[in-house]
Amino acid sequence: MYIADTLSRAAISETDNADVDRMSELSDDIDVIVHSLLYEFPASNQRMEKFRQKTADDPVLMQLKEIVRHGFSRDILPDNVKLKTYLKFVSDIYELNGLLLVHGKLIVPVSMRCEILKLLHE
């Protein structure tokens, strides 16, 4: 909830558009929070890079990324059943450096799920 907390405390009113310094400061704060979230994530840099690559190779997650970036119309739902599963909570999904997360938890690409499940059971 770091990002939501920061944004809720730094609300910008419509009459406050001229304050460029405040916008810059808010942007810097958000950058710090995003980078600290990724830095504190419990995985090595090599594993994070593997997550990025497998996410980029996963067609469902790539479609989900596009929806997160650009939105979608509820009138035109995708045909993909796997993608529809994510649409239930699409408003809570966000992208950080090529990774998809929901509530601070990484969405694991399908091709890595068995491997990660084995690690979790260990």
N, C-alpha and C. Protein backbone atom coordinates (compact mmCIF):
# COMPACT_ATOMS: atom_id res chain seq x y z
N MET A 1 0.81 -1.19 0.00
CA MET A 1 0.00 0.00 0.00
C MET A 1 0.86 1.26 0.00
N TYR A 2 2.17 1.12 -0.24
CA TYR A 2 3.04 2.28 -0.21
C TYR A 2 2.63 3.33 -1.24
N ILE A 3 2.36 2.88 -2.44
CA ILE A 3 2.04 3.82 -3.51
C ILE A 3 0.70 4.50 -3.24
N ALA A 4 -0.30 3.72 -2.88
CA ALA A 4 -1.62 4.30 -2.60
C ALA A 4 -1.54 5.27 -1.43
N ASP A 5 -0.78 4.93 -0.40
CA ASP A 5 -0.63 5.80 0.75
C ASP A 5 0.02 7.12 0.36
N THR A 6 1.07 7.06 -0.43
CA THR A 6 1.75 8.27 -0.88
C THR A 6 0.82 9.14 -1.71
N LEU A 7 0.10 8.52 -2.63
CA LEU A 7 -0.79 9.28 -3.50
C LEU A 7 -1.95 9.89 -2.72
N SER A 8 -2.46 9.19 -1.71
CA SER A 8 -3.60 9.72 -0.96
C SER A 8 -3.19 10.92 -0.11
N ARG A 9 -1.94 10.98 0.30
CA ARG A 9 -1.47 12.10 1.12
C ARG A 9 -1.03 13.29 0.29
N ALA A 10 -0.92 13.10 -0.99
CA ALA A 10 -0.44 14.18 -1.86
C ALA A 10 -1.46 14.47 -2.95
N ALA A 11 -2.70 14.60 -2.56
CA ALA A 11 -3.74 14.88 -3.55
C ALA A 11 -3.50 16.24 -4.20
N ILE A 12 -3.79 16.32 -5.48
CA ILE A 12 -3.58 17.55 -6.23
C ILE A 12 -4.93 18.09 -6.66
N SER A 13 -5.22 19.29 -6.25
CA SER A 13 -6.50 19.89 -6.64
C SER A 13 -6.37 20.49 -8.03
N GLU A 14 -7.52 20.78 -8.63
CA GLU A 14 -7.52 21.35 -9.98
C GLU A 14 -6.92 22.74 -10.01
N THR A 15 -7.02 23.47 -8.91
CA THR A 15 -6.50 24.84 -8.86
C THR A 15 -5.00 24.88 -8.60
N ASP A 16 -4.41 23.71 -8.36
CA ASP A 16 -3.00 23.64 -7.98
C ASP A 16 -2.11 23.23 -9.15
N ASN A 17 -2.56 23.37 -10.39
CA ASN A 17 -1.81 22.92 -11.55
C ASN A 17 -0.52 23.69 -11.77
N ALA A 18 -0.41 24.90 -11.32
CA ALA A 18 0.78 25.72 -11.56
C ALA A 18 1.97 25.30 -10.72
N ASP A 19 1.78 24.51 -9.74
CA ASP A 19 2.86 24.15 -8.83
C ASP A 19 3.69 22.99 -9.40
N VAL A 20 4.59 23.30 -10.30
CA VAL A 20 5.41 22.29 -10.98
C VAL A 20 6.36 21.61 -10.00
N ASP A 21 6.88 22.36 -9.04
CA ASP A 21 7.79 21.77 -8.06
C ASP A 21 7.12 20.68 -7.25
N ARG A 22 5.88 20.91 -6.88
CA ARG A 22 5.15 19.91 -6.11
C ARG A 22 4.94 18.65 -6.93
N MET A 23 4.62 18.81 -8.20
CA MET A 23 4.44 17.65 -9.09
C MET A 23 5.75 16.87 -9.22
N SER A 24 6.85 17.58 -9.36
CA SER A 24 8.16 16.94 -9.49
C SER A 24 8.51 16.18 -8.22
N GLU A 25 8.23 16.77 -7.08
CA GLU A 25 8.50 16.12 -5.80
C GLU A 25 7.66 14.86 -5.63
N LEU A 26 6.39 14.94 -6.00
CA LEU A 26 5.51 13.78 -5.93
C LEU A 26 6.01 12.67 -6.85
N SER A 27 6.43 13.03 -8.05
CA SER A 27 6.96 12.06 -9.00
C SER A 27 8.21 11.39 -8.45
N ASP A 28 9.08 12.17 -7.84
CA ASP A 28 10.30 11.62 -7.23
C ASP A 28 9.95 10.64 -6.10
N ASP A 29 8.96 11.01 -5.27
CA ASP A 29 8.53 10.13 -4.18
C ASP A 29 8.01 8.80 -4.71
N ILE A 30 7.22 8.87 -5.76
CA ILE A 30 6.67 7.64 -6.34
C ILE A 30 7.78 6.78 -6.91
N ASP A 31 8.77 7.38 -7.57
CA ASP A 31 9.90 6.63 -8.11
C ASP A 31 10.66 5.91 -7.00
N VAL A 32 10.87 6.58 -5.88
CA VAL A 32 11.57 5.97 -4.74
C VAL A 32 10.79 4.78 -4.23
N ILE A 33 9.49 4.91 -4.10
CA ILE A 33 8.66 3.82 -3.59
C ILE A 33 8.67 2.63 -4.54
N VAL A 34 8.56 2.90 -5.82
CA VAL A 34 8.56 1.82 -6.82
C VAL A 34 9.89 1.08 -6.78
N HIS A 35 11.00 1.80 -6.76
CA HIS A 35 12.31 1.16 -6.75
C HIS A 35 12.55 0.41 -5.44
N SER A 36 12.08 0.94 -4.32
CA SER A 36 12.28 0.23 -3.05
C SER A 36 11.44 -1.04 -3.01
N LEU A 37 10.25 -1.00 -3.63
CA LEU A 37 9.42 -2.20 -3.68
C LEU A 37 10.13 -3.30 -4.45
N LEU A 38 10.71 -2.97 -5.60
CA LEU A 38 11.43 -3.96 -6.39
C LEU A 38 12.72 -4.40 -5.71
N TYR A 39 13.41 -3.47 -5.05
CA TYR A 39 14.68 -3.79 -4.39
C TYR A 39 14.45 -4.75 -3.23
N GLU A 40 13.35 -4.60 -2.52
CA GLU A 40 13.07 -5.43 -1.35
C GLU A 40 12.34 -6.72 -1.71
N PHE A 41 12.05 -6.92 -2.98
CA PHE A 41 11.35 -8.13 -3.40
C PHE A 41 12.24 -9.34 -3.11
N PRO A 42 11.70 -10.41 -2.51
CA PRO A 42 12.53 -11.54 -2.08
C PRO A 42 12.96 -12.47 -3.21
N ALA A 43 13.72 -11.95 -4.16
CA ALA A 43 14.23 -12.76 -5.26
C ALA A 43 15.52 -12.13 -5.77
N SER A 44 16.39 -12.96 -6.30
CA SER A 44 17.66 -12.47 -6.83
C SER A 44 17.42 -11.69 -8.13
N ASN A 45 18.41 -10.92 -8.52
CA ASN A 45 18.31 -10.18 -9.78
C ASN A 45 18.15 -11.12 -10.96
N GLN A 46 18.84 -12.26 -10.92
CA GLN A 46 18.75 -13.24 -12.01
C GLN A 46 17.33 -13.80 -12.11
N ARG A 47 16.74 -14.11 -10.96
CA ARG A 47 15.37 -14.64 -10.98
C ARG A 47 14.38 -13.58 -11.44
N MET A 48 14.58 -12.33 -11.02
CA MET A 48 13.70 -11.25 -11.45
C MET A 48 13.79 -11.06 -12.96
N GLU A 49 15.00 -11.18 -13.50
CA GLU A 49 15.17 -11.05 -14.95
C GLU A 49 14.47 -12.21 -15.67
N LYS A 50 14.53 -13.40 -15.07
CA LYS A 50 13.85 -14.55 -15.65
C LYS A 50 12.33 -14.33 -15.62
N PHE A 51 11.82 -13.76 -14.52
CA PHE A 51 10.40 -13.42 -14.45
C PHE A 51 10.02 -12.44 -15.56
N ARG A 52 10.87 -11.42 -15.77
CA ARG A 52 10.59 -10.44 -16.83
C ARG A 52 10.53 -11.11 -18.20
N GLN A 53 11.50 -11.98 -18.47
CA GLN A 53 11.57 -12.65 -19.77
C GLN A 53 10.37 -13.56 -19.98
N LYS A 54 10.04 -14.35 -18.96
CA LYS A 54 8.91 -15.28 -19.08
C LYS A 54 7.58 -14.53 -19.16
N THR A 55 7.49 -13.39 -18.49
CA THR A 55 6.28 -12.56 -18.60
C THR A 55 6.15 -12.04 -20.02
N ALA A 56 7.27 -11.61 -20.61
CA ALA A 56 7.25 -11.10 -21.98
C ALA A 56 6.92 -12.21 -22.98
N ASP A 57 7.24 -13.46 -22.66
CA ASP A 57 6.98 -14.59 -23.55
C ASP A 57 5.56 -15.15 -23.39
N ASP A 58 4.88 -14.78 -22.32
CA ASP A 58 3.55 -15.32 -22.03
C ASP A 58 2.49 -14.48 -22.75
N PRO A 59 1.77 -15.07 -23.72
CA PRO A 59 0.80 -14.28 -24.50
C PRO A 59 -0.34 -13.71 -23.65
N VAL A 60 -0.79 -14.46 -22.64
CA VAL A 60 -1.88 -13.97 -21.79
C VAL A 60 -1.41 -12.77 -20.97
N LEU A 61 -0.21 -12.87 -20.40
CA LEU A 61 0.30 -11.76 -19.59
C LEU A 61 0.63 -10.55 -20.44
N MET A 62 1.01 -10.76 -21.69
CA MET A 62 1.26 -9.62 -22.58
C MET A 62 -0.06 -8.90 -22.89
N GLN A 63 -1.12 -9.66 -23.11
CA GLN A 63 -2.43 -9.04 -23.32
C GLN A 63 -2.88 -8.30 -22.06
N LEU A 64 -2.64 -8.91 -20.91
CA LEU A 64 -2.99 -8.28 -19.65
C LEU A 64 -2.21 -6.98 -19.45
N LYS A 65 -0.94 -6.98 -19.83
CA LYS A 65 -0.13 -5.77 -19.74
C LYS A 65 -0.73 -4.65 -20.57
N GLU A 66 -1.16 -4.99 -21.77
CA GLU A 66 -1.78 -3.97 -22.64
C GLU A 66 -3.06 -3.43 -22.03
N ILE A 67 -3.84 -4.31 -21.42
CA ILE A 67 -5.08 -3.87 -20.77
C ILE A 67 -4.76 -2.96 -19.59
N VAL A 68 -3.75 -3.32 -18.80
CA VAL A 68 -3.35 -2.50 -17.66
C VAL A 68 -2.87 -1.13 -18.13
N ARG A 69 -2.11 -1.10 -19.20
CA ARG A 69 -1.57 0.17 -19.72
C ARG A 69 -2.65 1.05 -20.34
N HIS A 70 -3.53 0.45 -21.13
CA HIS A 70 -4.46 1.24 -21.94
C HIS A 70 -5.92 1.10 -21.55
N GLY A 71 -6.23 0.17 -20.66
CA GLY A 71 -7.62 -0.05 -20.28
C GLY A 71 -8.35 -0.91 -21.29
N PHE A 72 -9.58 -1.23 -20.99
CA PHE A 72 -10.39 -2.02 -21.90
C PHE A 72 -11.85 -1.65 -21.71
N SER A 73 -12.62 -1.99 -22.67
CA SER A 73 -14.05 -1.72 -22.62
C SER A 73 -14.76 -2.94 -22.05
N ARG A 74 -15.60 -2.73 -21.06
CA ARG A 74 -16.34 -3.85 -20.48
C ARG A 74 -17.37 -4.41 -21.48
N ASP A 75 -17.67 -3.63 -22.50
CA ASP A 75 -18.60 -4.10 -23.53
C ASP A 75 -17.97 -5.15 -24.42
N ILE A 76 -16.65 -5.08 -24.60
CA ILE A 76 -15.94 -6.00 -25.48
C ILE A 76 -14.97 -6.82 -24.63
N LEU A 77 -15.42 -7.95 -24.14
CA LEU A 77 -14.57 -8.81 -23.31
C LEU A 77 -13.76 -9.74 -24.20
N PRO A 78 -12.52 -10.01 -23.82
CA PRO A 78 -11.70 -10.93 -24.61
C PRO A 78 -12.26 -12.35 -24.60
N ASP A 79 -11.93 -13.11 -25.63
CA ASP A 79 -12.40 -14.50 -25.74
C ASP A 79 -11.59 -15.45 -24.87
N ASN A 80 -10.37 -15.06 -24.55
CA ASN A 80 -9.46 -15.92 -23.81
C ASN A 80 -9.94 -16.13 -22.37
N VAL A 81 -10.23 -17.37 -22.01
CA VAL A 81 -10.74 -17.69 -20.68
C VAL A 81 -9.70 -17.37 -19.61
N LYS A 82 -8.43 -17.65 -19.90
CA LYS A 82 -7.37 -17.38 -18.93
C LYS A 82 -7.26 -15.88 -18.65
N LEU A 83 -7.44 -15.07 -19.66
CA LEU A 83 -7.37 -13.63 -19.49
C LEU A 83 -8.58 -13.12 -18.70
N LYS A 84 -9.73 -13.71 -18.91
CA LYS A 84 -10.94 -13.31 -18.18
C LYS A 84 -10.77 -13.49 -16.67
N THR A 85 -9.98 -14.48 -16.27
CA THR A 85 -9.71 -14.70 -14.85
C THR A 85 -9.08 -13.48 -14.22
N TYR A 86 -8.14 -12.86 -14.92
CA TYR A 86 -7.44 -11.68 -14.40
C TYR A 86 -8.33 -10.44 -14.42
N LEU A 87 -9.29 -10.39 -15.32
CA LEU A 87 -10.12 -9.20 -15.47
C LEU A 87 -11.00 -8.94 -14.26
N LYS A 88 -11.19 -9.96 -13.42
CA LYS A 88 -11.98 -9.78 -12.21
C LYS A 88 -11.34 -8.76 -11.27
N PHE A 89 -10.02 -8.69 -11.28
CA PHE A 89 -9.32 -7.76 -10.40
C PHE A 89 -8.30 -6.91 -11.15
N VAL A 90 -8.61 -6.59 -12.41
CA VAL A 90 -7.68 -5.84 -13.26
C VAL A 90 -7.38 -4.46 -12.70
N SER A 91 -8.30 -3.87 -11.98
CA SER A 91 -8.05 -2.53 -11.42
C SER A 91 -6.99 -2.55 -10.33
N ASP A 92 -6.68 -3.73 -9.78
CA ASP A 92 -5.66 -3.86 -8.74
C ASP A 92 -4.30 -4.28 -9.30
N ILE A 93 -4.23 -4.56 -10.59
CA ILE A 93 -2.99 -5.02 -11.22
C ILE A 93 -2.21 -3.82 -11.72
N TYR A 94 -0.90 -3.85 -11.51
CA TYR A 94 -0.03 -2.79 -12.03
C TYR A 94 1.27 -3.39 -12.54
N GLU A 95 1.95 -2.61 -13.35
CA GLU A 95 3.19 -3.07 -13.97
C GLU A 95 4.37 -2.30 -13.39
N LEU A 96 5.43 -3.02 -13.05
CA LEU A 96 6.68 -2.41 -12.58
C LEU A 96 7.83 -3.07 -13.31
N ASN A 97 8.54 -2.31 -14.10
CA ASN A 97 9.74 -2.79 -14.80
C ASN A 97 9.51 -4.12 -15.52
N GLY A 98 8.42 -4.23 -16.23
CA GLY A 98 8.16 -5.43 -17.02
C GLY A 98 7.50 -6.56 -16.26
N LEU A 99 7.23 -6.37 -14.98
CA LEU A 99 6.57 -7.38 -14.16
C LEU A 99 5.15 -6.95 -13.86
N LEU A 100 4.26 -7.90 -13.71
CA LEU A 100 2.89 -7.60 -13.33
C LEU A 100 2.69 -8.01 -11.87
N LEU A 101 2.13 -7.09 -11.10
CA LEU A 101 1.90 -7.34 -9.68
C LEU A 101 0.46 -7.00 -9.33
N VAL A 102 -0.02 -7.65 -8.30
CA VAL A 102 -1.33 -7.34 -7.74
C VAL A 102 -1.17 -7.32 -6.23
N HIS A 103 -1.48 -6.18 -5.63
CA HIS A 103 -1.33 -5.99 -4.18
C HIS A 103 0.08 -6.34 -3.69
N GLY A 104 1.10 -6.00 -4.46
CA GLY A 104 2.48 -6.26 -4.06
C GLY A 104 2.94 -7.69 -4.29
N LYS A 105 2.09 -8.50 -4.89
CA LYS A 105 2.45 -9.90 -5.16
C LYS A 105 2.63 -10.08 -6.66
N LEU A 106 3.67 -10.78 -7.00
CA LEU A 106 4.02 -11.00 -8.40
C LEU A 106 3.08 -11.99 -9.06
N ILE A 107 2.65 -11.67 -10.27
CA ILE A 107 1.87 -12.63 -11.07
C ILE A 107 2.89 -13.51 -11.79
N VAL A 108 2.92 -14.77 -11.43
CA VAL A 108 3.92 -15.71 -11.96
C VAL A 108 3.46 -16.21 -13.32
N PRO A 109 4.33 -16.10 -14.33
CA PRO A 109 3.99 -16.63 -15.65
C PRO A 109 3.73 -18.14 -15.59
N VAL A 110 2.86 -18.62 -16.44
CA VAL A 110 2.47 -20.03 -16.45
C VAL A 110 3.68 -20.95 -16.57
N SER A 111 4.64 -20.56 -17.40
CA SER A 111 5.80 -21.42 -17.64
C SER A 111 6.70 -21.57 -16.40
N MET A 112 6.53 -20.73 -15.40
CA MET A 112 7.36 -20.80 -14.19
C MET A 112 6.60 -21.31 -12.97
N ARG A 113 5.33 -21.58 -13.11
CA ARG A 113 4.52 -21.91 -11.94
C ARG A 113 4.94 -23.21 -11.25
N CYS A 114 5.29 -24.24 -12.00
CA CYS A 114 5.73 -25.50 -11.39
C CYS A 114 7.03 -25.29 -10.61
N GLU A 115 7.94 -24.57 -11.22
CA GLU A 115 9.24 -24.28 -10.57
C GLU A 115 9.04 -23.50 -9.27
N ILE A 116 8.21 -22.48 -9.30
CA ILE A 116 7.98 -21.66 -8.12
C ILE A 116 7.22 -22.44 -7.06
N LEU A 117 6.29 -23.27 -7.47
CA LEU A 117 5.55 -24.11 -6.51
C LEU A 117 6.49 -25.06 -5.79
N LYS A 118 7.44 -25.65 -6.51
CA LYS A 118 8.43 -26.52 -5.87
C LYS A 118 9.28 -25.75 -4.86
N LEU A 119 9.68 -24.54 -5.23
CA LEU A 119 10.46 -23.71 -4.29
C LEU A 119 9.65 -23.37 -3.05
N LEU A 120 8.39 -23.08 -3.22
CA LEU A 120 7.54 -22.75 -2.08
C LEU A 120 7.37 -23.95 -1.15
N HIS A 121 7.27 -25.15 -1.73
CA HIS A 121 7.11 -26.33 -0.91
C HIS A 121 8.39 -26.70 -0.17
N GLU A 122 9.53 -26.31 -0.71
CA GLU A 122 10.80 -26.58 -0.02
C GLU A 122 10.87 -25.76 1.24
